[in-house]
Amino acid sequence: MELTFTLGCMTIKMKFDGETVEEAADLASKVFTWMYQTPVELFIMDEEDDNLYIEPDPPRDNIQHEGM
């Protein structure tokens, strides 16, 4: 696997024997930490975690909503 990162005129290319997305995320975290000189941690989200939950405004008492 090979990862290439470019920031301005600086390009970092790293090759490694990793085969999983977790290993790629770990390597990318190390590169970002080095490039920005601040700790960066990447993580893998579960498929169930990509849902957005938005609470609607509560219905007004004088309006009848379908299914209520």
PDB file of N, CA and C in Angstrom:
ATOM      1  N   MET A   1       0.856  -1.165   0.000  1.00  0.00           N
ATOM      2  CA  MET A   1       0.000   0.000   0.000  1.00  0.00           C
ATOM      3  C   MET A   1       0.899   1.224   0.000  1.00  0.00           C
ATOM      4  N   GLU A   2       0.438   2.260  -0.672  1.00  0.00           N
ATOM      5  CA  GLU A   2       1.199   3.498  -0.738  1.00  0.00           C
ATOM      6  C   GLU A   2       0.262   4.666  -0.486  1.00  0.00           C
ATOM      7  N   LEU A   3       0.678   5.572   0.381  1.00  0.00           N
ATOM      8  CA  LEU A   3      -0.086   6.783   0.672  1.00  0.00           C
ATOM      9  C   LEU A   3       0.759   7.993   0.289  1.00  0.00           C
ATOM     10  N   THR A   4       0.133   8.963  -0.372  1.00  0.00           N
ATOM     11  CA  THR A   4       0.817  10.189  -0.753  1.00  0.00           C
ATOM     12  C   THR A   4       0.025  11.372  -0.215  1.00  0.00           C
ATOM     13  N   PHE A   5       0.709  12.264   0.487  1.00  0.00           N
ATOM     14  CA  PHE A   5       0.090  13.460   1.057  1.00  0.00           C
ATOM     15  C   PHE A   5       0.833  14.678   0.539  1.00  0.00           C
ATOM     16  N   THR A   6       0.084  15.711   0.157  1.00  0.00           N
ATOM     17  CA  THR A   6       0.685  16.942  -0.328  1.00  0.00           C
ATOM     18  C   THR A   6       0.127  18.115   0.458  1.00  0.00           C
ATOM     19  N   LEU A   7       1.026  18.950   0.959  1.00  0.00           N
ATOM     20  CA  LEU A   7       0.649  20.161   1.680  1.00  0.00           C
ATOM     21  C   LEU A   7       1.510  21.285   1.127  1.00  0.00           C
ATOM     22  N   GLY A   8       0.892  22.174   0.359  1.00  0.00           N
ATOM     23  CA  GLY A   8       1.661  23.240  -0.280  1.00  0.00           C
ATOM     24  C   GLY A   8       2.648  22.642  -1.266  1.00  0.00           C
ATOM     25  N   CYS A   9       3.917  22.940  -1.092  1.00  0.00           N
ATOM     26  CA  CYS A   9       4.942  22.408  -1.992  1.00  0.00           C
ATOM     27  C   CYS A   9       5.617  21.168  -1.407  1.00  0.00           C
ATOM     28  N   MET A  10       5.130  20.655  -0.293  1.00  0.00           N
ATOM     29  CA  MET A  10       5.716  19.485   0.347  1.00  0.00           C
ATOM     30  C   MET A  10       4.857  18.254   0.069  1.00  0.00           C
ATOM     31  N   THR A  11       5.479  17.189  -0.411  1.00  0.00           N
ATOM     32  CA  THR A  11       4.784  15.929  -0.671  1.00  0.00           C
ATOM     33  C   THR A  11       5.472  14.823   0.106  1.00  0.00           C
ATOM     34  N   ILE A  12       4.669  14.019   0.784  1.00  0.00           N
ATOM     35  CA  ILE A  12       5.186  12.874   1.539  1.00  0.00           C
ATOM     36  C   ILE A  12       4.577  11.626   0.929  1.00  0.00           C
ATOM     37  N   LYS A  13       5.421  10.682   0.559  1.00  0.00           N
ATOM     38  CA  LYS A  13       4.966   9.419   0.001  1.00  0.00           C
ATOM     39  C   LYS A  13       5.498   8.308   0.904  1.00  0.00           C
ATOM     40  N   MET A  14       4.594   7.475   1.386  1.00  0.00           N
ATOM     41  CA  MET A  14       4.991   6.389   2.285  1.00  0.00           C
ATOM     42  C   MET A  14       4.445   5.081   1.757  1.00  0.00           C
ATOM     43  N   LYS A  15       5.288   4.064   1.748  1.00  0.00           N
ATOM     44  CA  LYS A  15       4.874   2.721   1.362  1.00  0.00           C
ATOM     45  C   LYS A  15       4.967   1.836   2.592  1.00  0.00           C
ATOM     46  N   PHE A  16       4.016   0.906   2.711  1.00  0.00           N
ATOM     47  CA  PHE A  16       4.077  -0.027   3.817  1.00  0.00           C
ATOM     48  C   PHE A  16       3.341  -1.303   3.436  1.00  0.00           C
ATOM     49  N   ASP A  17       3.536  -2.346   4.221  1.00  0.00           N
ATOM     50  CA  ASP A  17       2.980  -3.665   3.911  1.00  0.00           C
ATOM     51  C   ASP A  17       1.575  -3.864   4.446  1.00  0.00           C
ATOM     52  N   GLY A  18       0.982  -2.839   5.015  1.00  0.00           N
ATOM     53  CA  GLY A  18      -0.349  -2.975   5.591  1.00  0.00           C
ATOM     54  C   GLY A  18      -1.396  -3.296   4.543  1.00  0.00           C
ATOM     55  N   GLU A  19      -2.418  -4.005   4.975  1.00  0.00           N
ATOM     56  CA  GLU A  19      -3.480  -4.397   4.057  1.00  0.00           C
ATOM     57  C   GLU A  19      -4.861  -3.969   4.532  1.00  0.00           C
ATOM     58  N   THR A  20      -4.967  -3.458   5.748  1.00  0.00           N
ATOM     59  CA  THR A  20      -6.279  -3.126   6.290  1.00  0.00           C
ATOM     60  C   THR A  20      -6.469  -1.620   6.361  1.00  0.00           C
ATOM     61  N   VAL A  21      -7.714  -1.218   6.417  1.00  0.00           N
ATOM     62  CA  VAL A  21      -8.033   0.208   6.514  1.00  0.00           C
ATOM     63  C   VAL A  21      -7.552   0.773   7.850  1.00  0.00           C
ATOM     64  N   GLU A  22      -7.548  -0.042   8.893  1.00  0.00           N
ATOM     65  CA  GLU A  22      -7.065   0.424  10.200  1.00  0.00           C
ATOM     66  C   GLU A  22      -5.585   0.777  10.131  1.00  0.00           C
ATOM     67  N   GLU A  23      -4.795  -0.043   9.432  1.00  0.00           N
ATOM     68  CA  GLU A  23      -3.365   0.237   9.295  1.00  0.00           C
ATOM     69  C   GLU A  23      -3.134   1.500   8.464  1.00  0.00           C
ATOM     70  N   ALA A  24      -3.941   1.701   7.438  1.00  0.00           N
ATOM     71  CA  ALA A  24      -3.820   2.914   6.632  1.00  0.00           C
ATOM     72  C   ALA A  24      -4.182   4.153   7.455  1.00  0.00           C
ATOM     73  N   ALA A  25      -5.219   4.055   8.290  1.00  0.00           N
ATOM     74  CA  ALA A  25      -5.617   5.183   9.138  1.00  0.00           C
ATOM     75  C   ALA A  25      -4.525   5.502  10.155  1.00  0.00           C
ATOM     76  N   ASP A  26      -3.885   4.484  10.715  1.00  0.00           N
ATOM     77  CA  ASP A  26      -2.792   4.707  11.662  1.00  0.00           C
ATOM     78  C   ASP A  26      -1.630   5.436  10.989  1.00  0.00           C
ATOM     79  N   LEU A  27      -1.275   5.003   9.781  1.00  0.00           N
ATOM     80  CA  LEU A  27      -0.183   5.646   9.057  1.00  0.00           C
ATOM     81  C   LEU A  27      -0.541   7.087   8.707  1.00  0.00           C
ATOM     82  N   ALA A  28      -1.768   7.308   8.241  1.00  0.00           N
ATOM     83  CA  ALA A  28      -2.195   8.666   7.904  1.00  0.00           C
ATOM     84  C   ALA A  28      -2.166   9.557   9.143  1.00  0.00           C
ATOM     85  N   SER A  29      -2.559   9.032  10.300  1.00  0.00           N
ATOM     86  CA  SER A  29      -2.513   9.808  11.544  1.00  0.00           C
ATOM     87  C   SER A  29      -1.093  10.249  11.854  1.00  0.00           C
ATOM     88  N   LYS A  30      -0.138   9.341  11.679  1.00  0.00           N
ATOM     89  CA  LYS A  30       1.266   9.679  11.945  1.00  0.00           C
ATOM     90  C   LYS A  30       1.763  10.759  10.993  1.00  0.00           C
ATOM     91  N   VAL A  31       1.391  10.650   9.716  1.00  0.00           N
ATOM     92  CA  VAL A  31       1.833  11.642   8.737  1.00  0.00           C
ATOM     93  C   VAL A  31       1.218  13.005   9.034  1.00  0.00           C
ATOM     94  N   PHE A  32      -0.091  13.049   9.311  1.00  0.00           N
ATOM     95  CA  PHE A  32      -0.742  14.318   9.623  1.00  0.00           C
ATOM     96  C   PHE A  32      -0.154  14.935  10.889  1.00  0.00           C
ATOM     97  N   THR A  33       0.127  14.116  11.891  1.00  0.00           N
ATOM     98  CA  THR A  33       0.734  14.619  13.123  1.00  0.00           C
ATOM     99  C   THR A  33       2.083  15.258  12.825  1.00  0.00           C
ATOM    100  N   TRP A  34       2.882  14.617  11.993  1.00  0.00           N
ATOM    101  CA  TRP A  34       4.197  15.155  11.641  1.00  0.00           C
ATOM    102  C   TRP A  34       4.055  16.433  10.819  1.00  0.00           C
ATOM    103  N   MET A  35       3.137  16.442   9.830  1.00  0.00           N
ATOM    104  CA  MET A  35       3.000  17.599   8.950  1.00  0.00           C
ATOM    105  C   MET A  35       2.498  18.831   9.691  1.00  0.00           C
ATOM    106  N   TYR A  36       1.529  18.657  10.591  1.00  0.00           N
ATOM    107  CA  TYR A  36       0.913  19.794  11.272  1.00  0.00           C
ATOM    108  C   TYR A  36       1.493  20.057  12.659  1.00  0.00           C
ATOM    109  N   GLN A  37       2.400  19.207  13.103  1.00  0.00           N
ATOM    110  CA  GLN A  37       3.036  19.361  14.413  1.00  0.00           C
ATOM    111  C   GLN A  37       2.020  19.452  15.544  1.00  0.00           C
ATOM    112  N   THR A  38       0.934  18.707  15.404  1.00  0.00           N
ATOM    113  CA  THR A  38      -0.094  18.615  16.438  1.00  0.00           C
ATOM    114  C   THR A  38      -0.692  17.212  16.360  1.00  0.00           C
ATOM    115  N   PRO A  39      -1.038  16.623  17.485  1.00  0.00           N
ATOM    116  CA  PRO A  39      -1.572  15.257  17.446  1.00  0.00           C
ATOM    117  C   PRO A  39      -2.861  15.156  16.623  1.00  0.00           C
ATOM    118  N   VAL A  40      -2.893  14.235  15.690  1.00  0.00           N
ATOM    119  CA  VAL A  40      -4.059  13.970  14.853  1.00  0.00           C
ATOM    120  C   VAL A  40      -4.382  12.489  14.984  1.00  0.00           C
ATOM    121  N   GLU A  41      -5.638  12.199  15.290  1.00  0.00           N
ATOM    122  CA  GLU A  41      -6.049  10.806  15.421  1.00  0.00           C
ATOM    123  C   GLU A  41      -7.227  10.542  14.487  1.00  0.00           C
ATOM    124  N   LEU A  42      -7.078   9.587  13.604  1.00  0.00           N
ATOM    125  CA  LEU A  42      -8.150   9.172  12.707  1.00  0.00           C
ATOM    126  C   LEU A  42      -8.761   7.894  13.261  1.00  0.00           C
ATOM    127  N   PHE A  43     -10.043   7.711  13.044  1.00  0.00           N
ATOM    128  CA  PHE A  43     -10.686   6.488  13.507  1.00  0.00           C
ATOM    129  C   PHE A  43     -11.684   6.022  12.470  1.00  0.00           C
ATOM    130  N   ILE A  44     -12.025   4.756  12.530  1.00  0.00           N
ATOM    131  CA  ILE A  44     -12.954   4.148  11.596  1.00  0.00           C
ATOM    132  C   ILE A  44     -14.334   4.172  12.234  1.00  0.00           C
ATOM    133  N   MET A  45     -15.298   4.761  11.520  1.00  0.00           N
ATOM    134  CA  MET A  45     -16.665   4.816  12.032  1.00  0.00           C
ATOM    135  C   MET A  45     -17.413   3.557  11.623  1.00  0.00           C
ATOM    136  N   ASP A  46     -18.257   3.066  12.507  1.00  0.00           N
ATOM    137  CA  ASP A  46     -19.144   1.965  12.161  1.00  0.00           C
ATOM    138  C   ASP A  46     -20.192   2.482  11.200  1.00  0.00           C
ATOM    139  N   GLU A  47     -20.728   1.590  10.387  1.00  0.00           N
ATOM    140  CA  GLU A  47     -21.757   1.998   9.431  1.00  0.00           C
ATOM    141  C   GLU A  47     -22.964   2.601  10.139  1.00  0.00           C
ATOM    142  N   GLU A  48     -23.272   2.128  11.330  1.00  0.00           N
ATOM    143  CA  GLU A  48     -24.430   2.620  12.066  1.00  0.00           C
ATOM    144  C   GLU A  48     -24.213   4.038  12.574  1.00  0.00           C
ATOM    145  N   ASP A  49     -22.957   4.485  12.670  1.00  0.00           N
ATOM    146  CA  ASP A  49     -22.652   5.792  13.238  1.00  0.00           C
ATOM    147  C   ASP A  49     -22.792   6.939  12.251  1.00  0.00           C
ATOM    148  N   ASP A  50     -23.099   6.679  10.981  1.00  0.00           N
ATOM    149  CA  ASP A  50     -23.134   7.761  10.012  1.00  0.00           C
ATOM    150  C   ASP A  50     -24.517   8.392   9.866  1.00  0.00           C
ATOM    151  N   ASN A  51     -25.437   8.028  10.726  1.00  0.00           N
ATOM    152  CA  ASN A  51     -26.776   8.612  10.689  1.00  0.00           C
ATOM    153  C   ASN A  51     -26.796   9.953  11.403  1.00  0.00           C
ATOM    154  N   LEU A  52     -27.553  10.888  10.859  1.00  0.00           N
ATOM    155  CA  LEU A  52     -27.758  12.173  11.518  1.00  0.00           C
ATOM    156  C   LEU A  52     -29.124  12.147  12.185  1.00  0.00           C
ATOM    157  N   TYR A  53     -29.169  12.580  13.398  1.00  0.00           N
ATOM    158  CA  TYR A  53     -30.428  12.622  14.125  1.00  0.00           C
ATOM    159  C   TYR A  53     -30.782  14.075  14.379  1.00  0.00           C
ATOM    160  N   ILE A  54     -31.920  14.487  13.848  1.00  0.00           N
ATOM    161  CA  ILE A  54     -32.373  15.867  14.004  1.00  0.00           C
ATOM    162  C   ILE A  54     -33.731  15.827  14.680  1.00  0.00           C
ATOM    163  N   GLU A  55     -33.844  16.543  15.775  1.00  0.00           N
ATOM    164  CA  GLU A  55     -35.118  16.595  16.480  1.00  0.00           C
ATOM    165  C   GLU A  55     -35.940  17.731  15.901  1.00  0.00           C
ATOM    166  N   PRO A  56     -37.104  17.418  15.344  1.00  0.00           N
ATOM    167  CA  PRO A  56     -37.934  18.490  14.777  1.00  0.00           C
ATOM    168  C   PRO A  56     -38.587  19.311  15.879  1.00  0.00           C
ATOM    169  N   ASP A  57     -39.110  20.459  15.461  1.00  0.00           N
ATOM    170  CA  ASP A  57     -39.869  21.274  16.413  1.00  0.00           C
ATOM    171  C   ASP A  57     -41.095  20.478  16.845  1.00  0.00           C
ATOM    172  N   PRO A  58     -41.480  20.568  18.110  1.00  0.00           N
ATOM    173  CA  PRO A  58     -42.675  19.824  18.545  1.00  0.00           C
ATOM    174  C   PRO A  58     -43.919  20.351  17.830  1.00  0.00           C
ATOM    175  N   PRO A  59     -44.866  19.483  17.495  1.00  0.00           N
ATOM    176  CA  PRO A  59     -46.070  19.947  16.792  1.00  0.00           C
ATOM    177  C   PRO A  59     -46.909  20.854  17.679  1.00  0.00           C
ATOM    178  N   ARG A  60     -47.559  21.799  17.033  1.00  0.00           N
ATOM    179  CA  ARG A  60     -48.455  22.685  17.773  1.00  0.00           C
ATOM    180  C   ARG A  60     -49.726  21.920  18.142  1.00  0.00           C
ATOM    181  N   ASP A  61     -50.336  22.275  19.237  1.00  0.00           N
ATOM    182  CA  ASP A  61     -51.508  21.555  19.734  1.00  0.00           C
ATOM    183  C   ASP A  61     -52.711  21.658  18.800  1.00  0.00           C
ATOM    184  N   ASN A  62     -52.831  22.772  18.085  1.00  0.00           N
ATOM    185  CA  ASN A  62     -54.038  22.971  17.278  1.00  0.00           C
ATOM    186  C   ASN A  62     -53.904  22.396  15.864  1.00  0.00           C
ATOM    187  N   ILE A  63     -52.811  21.731  15.545  1.00  0.00           N
ATOM    188  CA  ILE A  63     -52.640  21.131  14.222  1.00  0.00           C
ATOM    189  C   ILE A  63     -52.602  19.616  14.386  1.00  0.00           C
ATOM    190  N   GLN A  64     -53.412  18.934  13.621  1.00  0.00           N
ATOM    191  CA  GLN A  64     -53.408  17.467  13.671  1.00  0.00           C
ATOM    192  C   GLN A  64     -52.420  16.952  12.620  1.00  0.00           C
ATOM    193  N   HIS A  65     -51.483  16.135  13.054  1.00  0.00           N
ATOM    194  CA  HIS A  65     -50.485  15.577  12.174  1.00  0.00           C
ATOM    195  C   HIS A  65     -50.843  14.147  11.818  1.00  0.00           C
ATOM    196  N   GLU A  66     -50.548  13.777  10.606  1.00  0.00           N
ATOM    197  CA  GLU A  66     -50.856  12.437  10.159  1.00  0.00           C
ATOM    198  C   GLU A  66     -50.065  11.430  10.980  1.00  0.00           C
ATOM    199  N   GLY A  67     -50.690  10.366  11.385  1.00  0.00           N
ATOM    200  CA  GLY A  67     -50.025   9.314  12.144  1.00  0.00           C
ATOM    201  C   GLY A  67     -49.945   9.582  13.632  1.00  0.00           C
ATOM    202  N   MET A  68     -50.526  10.661  14.093  1.00  0.00           N
ATOM    203  CA  MET A  68     -50.473  10.953  15.535  1.00  0.00           C
ATOM    204  C   MET A  68     -51.770  10.588  16.189  1.00  0.00           C
TER     205      MET A  68
END
